[in-house]
N, C-alpha and C. Protein backbone atom coordinates (compact mmCIF):
# COMPACT_ATOMS: atom_id res chain seq x y z
N MET A 1 86.36 69.06 172.36
CA MET A 1 86.98 67.55 172.85
C MET A 1 88.11 68.23 172.15
N ASP A 2 88.94 67.51 172.33
CA ASP A 2 90.40 67.45 171.92
C ASP A 2 90.77 66.56 170.73
N SER A 3 91.05 66.59 169.48
CA SER A 3 91.31 66.18 168.68
C SER A 3 92.26 65.42 168.50
N LYS A 4 93.27 66.18 169.19
CA LYS A 4 94.76 65.78 169.43
C LYS A 4 94.66 63.87 169.48
N PRO A 5 95.70 63.16 169.29
CA PRO A 5 95.28 61.16 169.32
C PRO A 5 95.76 61.08 170.75
N THR A 6 95.79 60.03 170.80
CA THR A 6 96.21 60.08 172.07
C THR A 6 96.63 58.47 172.01
N ILE A 7 97.99 58.11 172.09
CA ILE A 7 99.23 57.43 171.89
C ILE A 7 98.74 56.51 172.80
N ILE A 8 98.53 54.91 172.05
CA ILE A 8 98.59 53.73 173.89
C ILE A 8 98.96 53.38 173.14
N LEU A 9 100.23 52.92 174.50
CA LEU A 9 100.95 51.59 174.49
C LEU A 9 100.96 49.95 174.46
N GLY A 10 100.78 49.35 173.96
CA GLY A 10 100.03 47.95 174.29
C GLY A 10 101.54 47.08 175.16
N SER A 11 102.28 47.60 175.75
CA SER A 11 103.23 46.67 176.25
C SER A 11 103.59 47.72 177.84
N THR A 12 104.61 46.52 178.27
CA THR A 12 104.74 47.02 179.34
C THR A 12 106.49 46.66 179.63
N SER A 13 106.99 46.79 178.64
CA SER A 13 108.75 46.94 178.56
C SER A 13 108.64 48.08 178.70
N PRO A 14 109.72 48.22 180.10
CA PRO A 14 110.68 49.65 180.29
C PRO A 14 111.76 49.92 179.06
N ARG A 15 111.76 49.26 178.22
CA ARG A 15 112.68 49.53 176.73
C ARG A 15 111.50 50.77 175.92
N ARG A 16 110.34 49.96 175.50
CA ARG A 16 109.66 50.66 174.61
C ARG A 16 109.27 52.08 175.15
N LYS A 17 108.87 52.07 176.49
CA LYS A 17 108.62 53.21 177.32
C LYS A 17 109.24 54.24 178.09
N GLU A 18 111.13 53.75 177.59
CA GLU A 18 112.15 54.97 178.22
C GLU A 18 112.35 55.51 176.24
N LEU A 19 111.66 54.14 175.11
CA LEU A 19 112.24 55.26 173.43
C LEU A 19 110.73 56.07 173.78
N LEU A 20 109.84 56.14 173.95
CA LEU A 20 108.55 56.76 174.13
C LEU A 20 109.34 57.94 174.21
N GLU A 21 109.61 58.14 175.68
CA GLU A 21 109.69 59.48 176.64
C GLU A 21 110.86 59.95 175.83
N LEU A 22 111.76 59.42 175.53
CA LEU A 22 112.93 60.11 174.83
C LEU A 22 112.51 60.90 173.85
N ALA A 23 111.35 60.27 172.89
CA ALA A 23 111.31 60.90 171.61
C ALA A 23 110.36 62.16 171.84
N ASN A 24 109.63 62.39 173.56
CA ASN A 24 109.26 63.34 173.92
C ASN A 24 107.79 62.75 173.27
N ILE A 25 107.18 61.54 173.38
CA ILE A 25 105.89 61.30 173.24
C ILE A 25 104.91 61.53 174.24
N GLN A 26 103.78 62.12 174.15
CA GLN A 26 103.18 61.08 175.20
C GLN A 26 102.23 60.41 174.95
N PHE A 27 102.06 59.30 176.27
CA PHE A 27 101.34 58.15 176.01
C PHE A 27 100.53 57.36 176.94
N SER A 28 99.49 56.60 176.48
CA SER A 28 99.06 55.91 178.00
C SER A 28 99.80 54.02 177.87
N ILE A 29 100.12 53.22 179.08
CA ILE A 29 100.31 52.04 178.91
C ILE A 29 98.47 51.30 179.04
N ARG A 30 98.77 50.35 177.88
CA ARG A 30 97.53 49.60 178.42
C ARG A 30 97.83 47.86 177.69
N LYS A 31 97.88 47.02 178.06
CA LYS A 31 98.55 45.57 178.41
C LYS A 31 96.98 44.44 178.40
N GLN A 32 97.42 43.68 177.21
CA GLN A 32 96.67 42.70 177.53
C GLN A 32 97.72 41.50 177.26
N GLU A 33 96.95 39.96 177.76
CA GLU A 33 97.83 39.16 177.70
C GLU A 33 97.18 38.39 176.09
N VAL A 34 98.65 37.91 175.21
CA VAL A 34 97.97 37.72 174.18
C VAL A 34 98.79 36.43 173.79
N ASP A 35 98.59 35.16 173.25
CA ASP A 35 99.19 33.81 172.96
C ASP A 35 99.72 34.01 171.37
N GLU A 36 101.07 34.21 172.06
CA GLU A 36 101.89 34.41 170.77
C GLU A 36 102.10 32.89 170.36
N SER A 37 102.15 32.11 170.42
CA SER A 37 101.86 31.04 169.60
C SER A 37 100.89 30.10 168.65
N VAL A 38 100.14 31.28 168.79
CA VAL A 38 98.98 31.59 167.48
C VAL A 38 100.12 31.77 165.93
N ILE A 39 101.35 32.56 166.09
CA ILE A 39 101.41 33.51 165.13
C ILE A 39 102.58 32.55 164.76
N SER A 40 102.89 31.47 163.72
CA SER A 40 103.67 30.04 163.59
C SER A 40 104.92 30.35 162.78
N THR A 41 104.69 30.92 162.15
CA THR A 41 105.32 31.80 160.42
C THR A 41 106.60 31.96 160.84
N PRO A 42 107.93 30.87 160.19
CA PRO A 42 109.01 30.77 160.73
C PRO A 42 110.44 31.81 159.83
N ASN A 43 109.18 32.92 158.83
CA ASN A 43 110.22 33.82 158.82
C ASN A 43 110.14 34.96 159.57
N PRO A 44 112.00 35.18 160.03
CA PRO A 44 111.64 36.15 161.27
C PRO A 44 111.02 38.01 161.06
N ALA A 45 110.95 38.04 160.53
CA ALA A 45 110.20 39.84 160.11
C ALA A 45 108.94 39.29 159.59
N GLU A 46 108.35 38.54 159.29
CA GLU A 46 106.58 38.08 159.31
C GLU A 46 106.22 37.68 160.15
N ARG A 47 107.60 37.25 160.95
CA ARG A 47 106.84 37.62 162.75
C ARG A 47 106.84 38.14 163.54
N ALA A 48 107.64 38.94 164.15
CA ALA A 48 107.58 40.23 164.24
C ALA A 48 106.62 41.47 164.26
N GLU A 49 106.10 41.22 162.37
CA GLU A 49 105.13 42.07 162.40
C GLU A 49 103.97 41.34 162.56
N GLN A 50 103.71 40.49 162.56
CA GLN A 50 102.31 39.42 162.64
C GLN A 50 102.03 39.49 164.38
N LEU A 51 103.46 39.26 164.80
CA LEU A 51 102.67 39.57 166.30
C LEU A 51 102.76 40.88 167.07
N ALA A 52 102.96 41.54 166.06
CA ALA A 52 102.59 43.24 166.53
C ALA A 52 101.57 43.62 166.13
N ILE A 53 100.87 43.42 164.81
CA ILE A 53 99.49 43.14 164.67
C ILE A 53 98.73 42.57 165.89
N HIS A 54 99.22 41.09 166.45
CA HIS A 54 98.39 40.14 166.56
C HIS A 54 98.09 40.94 168.22
N LYS A 55 99.01 41.18 168.30
CA LYS A 55 98.92 42.32 170.14
C LYS A 55 98.13 43.38 169.95
N GLY A 56 98.22 44.22 169.04
CA GLY A 56 97.27 45.46 168.43
C GLY A 56 96.06 44.70 168.85
N LYS A 57 95.29 43.97 168.01
CA LYS A 57 94.10 43.23 167.97
C LYS A 57 93.43 43.09 169.31
N HIS A 58 94.16 42.59 170.51
CA HIS A 58 94.01 42.35 172.08
C HIS A 58 94.02 43.72 172.67
N ILE A 59 94.04 44.77 172.26
CA ILE A 59 93.97 46.10 172.98
C ILE A 59 93.06 46.46 172.26
N PRO A 60 91.69 46.53 173.74
CA PRO A 60 90.63 47.55 173.38
C PRO A 60 90.64 49.18 173.32
N PHE A 61 89.98 49.78 172.19
CA PHE A 61 90.28 51.34 172.62
C PHE A 61 88.83 51.88 173.58
N GLU A 62 88.73 52.89 174.11
CA GLU A 62 88.38 53.25 174.48
C GLU A 62 87.64 54.55 174.47
N ASN A 63 87.87 55.17 173.32
CA ASN A 63 87.94 56.26 172.28
C ASN A 63 87.84 56.32 171.19
N SER A 64 87.45 57.16 170.82
CA SER A 64 87.58 56.87 168.86
C SER A 64 89.01 58.03 168.85
N ASN A 65 89.62 58.75 169.72
CA ASN A 65 90.60 58.99 169.84
C ASN A 65 92.18 58.35 169.90
N GLU A 66 91.87 57.31 169.71
CA GLU A 66 92.65 56.57 170.71
C GLU A 66 93.98 55.95 169.47
N ILE A 67 95.15 55.89 168.74
CA ILE A 67 95.83 55.10 168.47
C ILE A 67 96.72 53.93 169.33
N ILE A 68 96.11 53.39 168.98
CA ILE A 68 97.17 52.04 169.58
C ILE A 68 98.37 51.36 168.61
N LEU A 69 99.42 51.51 169.86
CA LEU A 69 100.67 51.11 169.51
C LEU A 69 101.31 49.85 170.16
N THR A 70 101.72 48.61 169.34
CA THR A 70 101.97 47.70 169.65
C THR A 70 103.54 47.13 168.69
N ALA A 71 104.75 46.29 169.72
CA ALA A 71 105.38 45.95 168.76
C ALA A 71 106.09 44.83 169.32
N ASP A 72 107.14 43.69 168.73
CA ASP A 72 107.92 42.83 168.58
C ASP A 72 108.98 42.91 168.18
N THR A 73 109.81 42.18 169.19
CA THR A 73 110.99 42.57 168.64
C THR A 73 111.87 40.71 168.63
N VAL A 74 112.36 40.49 167.52
CA VAL A 74 112.23 39.21 167.13
C VAL A 74 114.35 38.81 166.48
N VAL A 75 115.17 38.43 167.60
CA VAL A 75 116.40 38.19 166.69
C VAL A 75 116.41 36.70 165.81
N SER A 76 117.37 36.89 165.04
CA SER A 76 117.65 35.45 163.68
C SER A 76 118.54 35.58 163.48
N LEU A 77 119.22 34.81 163.70
CA LEU A 77 120.88 33.80 163.20
C LEU A 77 120.67 33.20 161.84
N ASN A 78 121.10 33.35 160.88
CA ASN A 78 120.66 31.82 160.00
C ASN A 78 119.15 31.76 159.85
N GLY A 79 118.29 32.12 159.93
CA GLY A 79 116.68 32.34 159.57
C GLY A 79 116.43 31.58 161.44
N ASN A 80 117.09 31.42 161.68
CA ASN A 80 116.51 30.68 163.10
C ASN A 80 115.85 31.46 163.70
N ILE A 81 115.23 31.39 165.13
CA ILE A 81 114.36 32.74 165.40
C ILE A 81 115.11 32.56 167.31
N TYR A 82 115.37 33.47 167.71
CA TYR A 82 115.97 33.24 169.00
C TYR A 82 115.22 34.37 169.90
N GLY A 83 114.13 33.59 170.48
CA GLY A 83 113.28 34.52 172.02
C GLY A 83 114.06 34.70 173.26
N LYS A 84 112.93 35.27 173.74
CA LYS A 84 113.68 35.63 174.79
C LYS A 84 113.97 34.12 175.90
N PRO A 85 115.78 33.70 176.05
CA PRO A 85 115.95 32.09 177.26
C PRO A 85 114.53 31.77 178.34
N ALA A 86 114.08 31.09 178.48
CA ALA A 86 114.09 30.32 179.48
C ALA A 86 114.73 30.33 180.56
N ASN A 87 116.05 29.69 180.53
CA ASN A 87 116.63 29.15 181.58
C ASN A 87 118.47 29.31 181.13
N LYS A 88 119.14 29.13 181.99
CA LYS A 88 120.69 29.78 181.38
C LYS A 88 121.13 29.21 180.27
N ASP A 89 120.72 27.73 180.53
CA ASP A 89 121.17 26.87 179.59
C ASP A 89 120.90 27.24 178.01
N GLU A 90 119.63 27.80 177.54
CA GLU A 90 119.07 28.57 176.67
C GLU A 90 120.16 29.83 176.76
N ALA A 91 119.94 30.86 177.37
CA ALA A 91 120.77 31.40 177.13
C ALA A 91 121.67 31.33 177.18
N TYR A 92 122.83 30.15 177.44
CA TYR A 92 124.88 30.19 177.17
C TYR A 92 124.46 29.96 175.42
N LYS A 93 124.05 28.70 174.58
CA LYS A 93 123.30 28.25 173.62
C LYS A 93 122.83 29.46 172.88
N MET A 94 122.13 30.42 172.70
CA MET A 94 121.89 31.68 171.91
C MET A 94 123.26 32.15 172.28
N LEU A 95 123.83 32.88 172.56
CA LEU A 95 124.50 33.53 172.95
C LEU A 95 126.47 33.22 172.18
N SER A 96 126.21 31.52 172.36
CA SER A 96 127.42 30.83 171.49
C SER A 96 126.95 30.86 170.31
N ASN A 97 126.06 31.05 169.60
CA ASN A 97 125.53 31.41 168.26
C ASN A 97 126.08 31.73 167.97
N LEU A 98 125.47 33.04 168.44
CA LEU A 98 125.81 34.28 168.06
C LEU A 98 127.24 34.85 167.83
N SER A 99 127.65 34.64 169.07
CA SER A 99 129.06 34.24 169.04
C SER A 99 130.29 34.67 167.77
N GLY A 100 130.87 36.29 167.49
CA GLY A 100 131.83 36.11 166.38
C GLY A 100 130.61 36.39 164.62
N ASN A 101 129.53 36.37 165.12
CA ASN A 101 128.77 36.04 163.99
C ASN A 101 127.59 37.44 163.99
N VAL A 102 126.87 37.45 162.43
CA VAL A 102 126.44 38.68 162.27
C VAL A 102 124.79 38.33 161.95
N HIS A 103 124.03 38.20 163.34
CA HIS A 103 122.73 38.51 162.89
C HIS A 103 122.28 39.70 163.06
N GLU A 104 120.56 39.35 162.71
CA GLU A 104 119.55 40.23 162.04
C GLU A 104 118.81 40.63 163.56
N VAL A 105 117.83 42.09 164.16
CA VAL A 105 117.15 41.89 165.15
C VAL A 105 116.19 42.81 164.36
N TYR A 106 114.70 41.89 163.88
CA TYR A 106 113.42 42.89 163.26
C TYR A 106 112.48 42.83 164.36
N THR A 107 112.39 44.30 164.37
CA THR A 107 111.20 44.97 165.27
C THR A 107 109.68 45.33 164.16
N GLY A 108 108.60 44.25 164.71
CA GLY A 108 107.32 44.71 163.79
C GLY A 108 106.82 46.15 165.13
N VAL A 109 106.07 46.82 164.07
CA VAL A 109 105.16 47.80 165.26
C VAL A 109 103.89 47.72 164.22
N SER A 110 102.94 48.21 164.87
CA SER A 110 102.27 48.16 164.78
C SER A 110 101.04 49.20 165.09
N LEU A 111 100.06 49.76 164.84
CA LEU A 111 99.78 51.44 164.99
C LEU A 111 98.28 51.21 164.21
N GLN A 112 97.22 51.69 165.15
CA GLN A 112 95.75 51.32 164.60
C GLN A 112 94.83 52.24 165.24
N SER A 113 93.78 52.63 164.46
CA SER A 113 92.92 53.45 164.68
C SER A 113 92.09 52.81 164.75
N HIS A 114 91.05 54.18 165.14
CA HIS A 114 89.89 53.51 164.46
C HIS A 114 89.09 53.58 163.21
N VAL A 115 90.47 54.13 162.34
CA VAL A 115 89.81 54.52 161.30
C VAL A 115 90.70 53.09 160.06
N LYS A 116 92.15 53.59 160.26
CA LYS A 116 93.08 52.74 159.56
C LYS A 116 94.02 51.93 160.72
N GLN A 117 94.36 50.68 159.57
CA GLN A 117 95.31 50.04 160.65
C GLN A 117 96.22 50.04 159.53
N PHE A 118 98.34 50.09 160.24
CA PHE A 118 99.37 49.97 159.92
C PHE A 118 101.13 50.10 160.75
N SER A 119 101.40 48.94 159.43
CA SER A 119 102.24 48.06 160.29
C SER A 119 103.69 48.31 159.16
N PHE A 120 104.30 48.23 160.19
CA PHE A 120 105.99 47.91 159.47
C PHE A 120 107.02 46.93 160.20
N VAL A 121 107.84 47.01 159.41
CA VAL A 121 109.17 45.95 160.49
C VAL A 121 110.05 46.60 159.97
N GLU A 122 111.19 46.91 160.92
CA GLU A 122 112.64 47.13 160.68
C GLU A 122 113.78 46.46 161.13
N LYS A 123 115.21 46.77 160.37
CA LYS A 123 116.45 45.60 160.29
C LYS A 123 117.21 46.23 160.76
N THR A 124 117.77 45.96 161.87
CA THR A 124 118.67 45.73 161.90
C THR A 124 119.76 45.22 162.09
N SER A 125 120.89 44.60 160.92
CA SER A 125 122.07 44.25 161.60
C SER A 125 123.39 44.10 162.56
N VAL A 126 123.88 43.09 163.21
CA VAL A 126 124.46 43.30 164.87
C VAL A 126 125.35 42.15 164.07
N GLU A 127 126.49 42.61 164.63
CA GLU A 127 128.05 41.37 164.76
C GLU A 127 128.68 41.43 166.12
N PHE A 128 128.61 39.71 166.35
CA PHE A 128 128.88 40.01 167.85
C PHE A 128 130.31 40.03 167.75
N TRP A 129 131.64 40.12 169.13
CA TRP A 129 132.92 40.00 168.85
C TRP A 129 132.49 38.38 168.90
N PRO A 130 133.63 37.64 169.14
CA PRO A 130 134.16 36.63 169.33
C PRO A 130 133.95 36.11 170.96
N LEU A 131 133.91 35.70 171.55
CA LEU A 131 133.14 35.35 172.66
C LEU A 131 133.20 34.11 173.20
N ASN A 132 134.07 34.47 174.16
CA ASN A 132 134.90 32.91 175.20
C ASN A 132 133.42 32.73 176.39
N ASP A 133 134.14 30.93 176.30
CA ASP A 133 133.37 30.54 177.30
C ASP A 133 132.83 31.29 178.62
N GLN A 134 134.10 32.27 179.54
CA GLN A 134 134.08 32.94 180.51
C GLN A 134 132.96 33.99 180.23
N GLU A 135 133.61 34.90 179.11
CA GLU A 135 132.51 36.01 179.09
C GLU A 135 131.13 35.65 179.09
N ILE A 136 130.86 34.88 177.85
CA ILE A 136 129.58 33.66 177.84
C ILE A 136 128.65 33.99 179.70
N LEU A 137 129.42 32.99 179.88
CA LEU A 137 129.34 33.07 181.61
C LEU A 137 128.78 33.95 182.36
N ASP A 138 129.94 35.27 182.73
CA ASP A 138 130.09 36.31 183.40
C ASP A 138 128.82 36.91 182.66
N TYR A 139 128.45 37.63 181.95
CA TYR A 139 127.03 37.75 181.17
C TYR A 139 126.07 37.66 181.44
N ILE A 140 126.26 36.00 181.42
CA ILE A 140 124.86 35.22 181.91
C ILE A 140 124.70 35.25 183.88
N LYS A 141 125.69 35.91 184.57
CA LYS A 141 125.46 35.61 185.46
C LYS A 141 124.72 37.41 186.07
N THR A 142 125.25 38.16 185.11
CA THR A 142 124.32 39.48 185.39
C THR A 142 122.95 39.43 184.76
N GLU A 143 122.31 37.97 184.68
CA GLU A 143 120.60 38.60 184.95
C GLU A 143 120.33 38.74 183.66
N ASP A 144 121.07 39.62 183.00
CA ASP A 144 120.25 40.53 181.99
C ASP A 144 119.64 39.90 180.62
N PRO A 145 120.35 38.76 180.13
CA PRO A 145 119.78 38.02 179.51
C PRO A 145 118.29 37.53 178.97
N PHE A 146 118.16 37.57 180.56
CA PHE A 146 116.49 36.45 180.48
C PHE A 146 115.07 37.64 180.14
N ASP A 147 115.42 38.62 180.18
CA ASP A 147 114.05 39.23 179.42
C ASP A 147 114.41 39.77 177.87
N LYS A 148 115.07 39.60 177.69
CA LYS A 148 115.65 40.17 176.38
C LYS A 148 115.90 38.57 175.07
N ALA A 149 114.69 39.44 173.84
CA ALA A 149 114.70 38.02 172.51
C ALA A 149 117.20 38.56 172.08
N GLY A 150 117.22 37.05 171.99
CA GLY A 150 118.67 36.91 171.58
C GLY A 150 119.60 36.72 172.97
N ALA A 151 119.00 36.83 173.82
CA ALA A 151 119.78 37.00 175.07
C ALA A 151 120.51 37.74 175.65
N TYR A 152 120.23 39.38 174.93
CA TYR A 152 121.54 40.20 175.05
C TYR A 152 120.43 41.59 175.07
N GLY A 153 121.17 42.72 175.97
CA GLY A 153 120.29 43.76 175.41
C GLY A 153 121.44 44.66 175.26
N ILE A 154 121.61 45.43 174.02
CA ILE A 154 122.66 45.93 173.85
C ILE A 154 122.91 47.29 174.17
N GLN A 155 121.37 47.70 175.19
CA GLN A 155 121.56 49.10 175.78
C GLN A 155 121.85 48.95 177.22
N SER A 156 122.26 47.53 177.68
CA SER A 156 122.75 47.32 179.04
C SER A 156 124.67 46.93 179.12
N GLU A 157 124.29 45.71 180.01
CA GLU A 157 125.60 45.16 179.99
C GLU A 157 125.87 44.24 178.69
N GLY A 158 124.99 44.14 177.58
CA GLY A 158 125.61 43.80 176.72
C GLY A 158 125.80 43.54 175.75
N ALA A 159 126.12 45.70 175.88
CA ALA A 159 126.81 46.24 175.52
C ALA A 159 127.67 45.81 174.59
N ILE A 160 128.75 45.25 175.41
CA ILE A 160 129.73 44.94 175.30
C ILE A 160 130.48 43.71 174.27
N LEU A 161 128.92 42.74 174.24
CA LEU A 161 129.45 41.71 173.54
C LEU A 161 129.08 42.15 171.76
N VAL A 162 128.76 43.46 171.51
CA VAL A 162 128.46 43.85 170.10
C VAL A 162 129.52 44.75 169.30
N LYS A 163 130.65 44.09 167.97
CA LYS A 163 131.39 44.53 167.59
C LYS A 163 130.46 45.98 166.94
N GLN A 164 129.56 45.96 166.10
CA GLN A 164 129.32 46.60 164.95
C GLN A 164 127.88 46.17 165.14
N ILE A 165 127.29 47.55 164.53
CA ILE A 165 125.39 47.82 164.01
C ILE A 165 125.45 48.47 162.60
N ILE A 166 124.85 47.67 161.90
CA ILE A 166 124.34 48.40 160.67
C ILE A 166 122.56 48.50 160.86
N GLY A 167 122.32 49.72 161.04
CA GLY A 167 120.87 49.83 160.80
C GLY A 167 120.90 50.81 162.07
N ASP A 168 119.77 50.86 162.29
CA ASP A 168 119.10 51.60 163.51
C ASP A 168 119.01 51.24 165.06
N TYR A 169 120.01 51.89 165.74
CA TYR A 169 120.15 50.96 167.48
C TYR A 169 118.98 51.19 168.33
N TYR A 170 118.13 51.59 168.36
CA TYR A 170 116.95 51.98 168.67
C TYR A 170 115.52 50.57 168.42
N ASN A 171 116.15 50.49 167.49
CA ASN A 171 115.19 49.11 166.80
C ASN A 171 115.90 47.36 167.56
N VAL A 172 117.17 47.78 167.79
CA VAL A 172 117.66 46.41 168.75
C VAL A 172 117.28 47.07 169.75
N VAL A 173 117.61 47.84 170.19
CA VAL A 173 116.65 48.06 171.93
C VAL A 173 114.80 47.62 172.00
N GLY A 174 114.32 47.53 170.77
CA GLY A 174 112.89 47.23 170.97
C GLY A 174 111.67 48.45 170.35
N LEU A 175 112.41 49.58 169.90
CA LEU A 175 111.38 49.97 168.95
C LEU A 175 112.72 51.15 167.91
N PRO A 176 111.89 51.08 166.69
CA PRO A 176 112.32 52.16 165.52
C PRO A 176 111.92 53.43 165.96
N ILE A 177 112.26 54.07 167.02
CA ILE A 177 111.36 55.31 166.90
C ILE A 177 111.91 56.00 165.93
N ALA A 178 112.81 56.70 165.61
CA ALA A 178 112.66 57.60 164.20
C ALA A 178 112.26 56.97 163.13
N ARG A 179 111.93 56.32 162.82
CA ARG A 179 110.51 55.71 161.76
C ARG A 179 109.14 55.99 162.04
N LEU A 180 108.66 55.24 163.77
CA LEU A 180 107.63 55.23 163.88
C LEU A 180 107.28 56.97 164.30
N VAL A 181 107.95 58.02 164.54
CA VAL A 181 107.36 59.31 164.77
C VAL A 181 107.11 59.75 163.28
N ARG A 182 107.80 59.23 162.09
CA ARG A 182 107.13 59.48 161.18
C ARG A 182 106.13 59.21 160.32
N GLU A 183 105.84 57.75 160.60
CA GLU A 183 104.69 57.19 160.80
C GLU A 183 103.30 57.28 161.41
N LEU A 184 103.22 58.16 162.81
CA LEU A 184 102.41 58.82 163.78
C LEU A 184 102.04 59.51 162.74
N LYS A 185 102.80 60.54 161.91
CA LYS A 185 102.19 61.54 161.66
C LYS A 185 100.78 61.76 160.46
N ASN A 186 100.84 60.39 160.02
CA ASN A 186 100.00 59.95 159.08
C ASN A 186 98.98 58.86 159.63
N PHE A 187 98.67 59.28 161.14
CA PHE A 187 97.30 59.02 161.92
C PHE A 187 97.35 60.00 162.79
């Protein structure tokens, strides 16, 4: 029997999949739907970590060699949490609020095997350029904001909104891959 652990990504996020592939990590995908509303903490860092742990608890083990990897990314400005916008009006409001400001992106990551569970949160600060109405509306027309926390994707068309970042770029994309690789060594 091969003793090398099997990584199970508990997510269908194309960005997380791409980042694991970028790091040359072999993995399989196993996704379960979870009710995220059961995590109600208003603290954005705690919310990201608790959601990652909560998601991990809903991914069943199929053998004792597996490591379940789950994550959740939260965007926060002045303590307010920005999830994925439900419509164009929500996207516009989020982007207007982020315009010209520095916000935080927290990604919570949970790793669990049959013998241990470990989680962590990575934080990156992102500053947006001041945006005018037309810039916001043009970006919303791309449809890019609608499956992303904070209504933007730094790795896609949303890149033009960002003035600077302090921290891990890949954390903003959805998975702090460098830290993840280091933490996986403990498993």
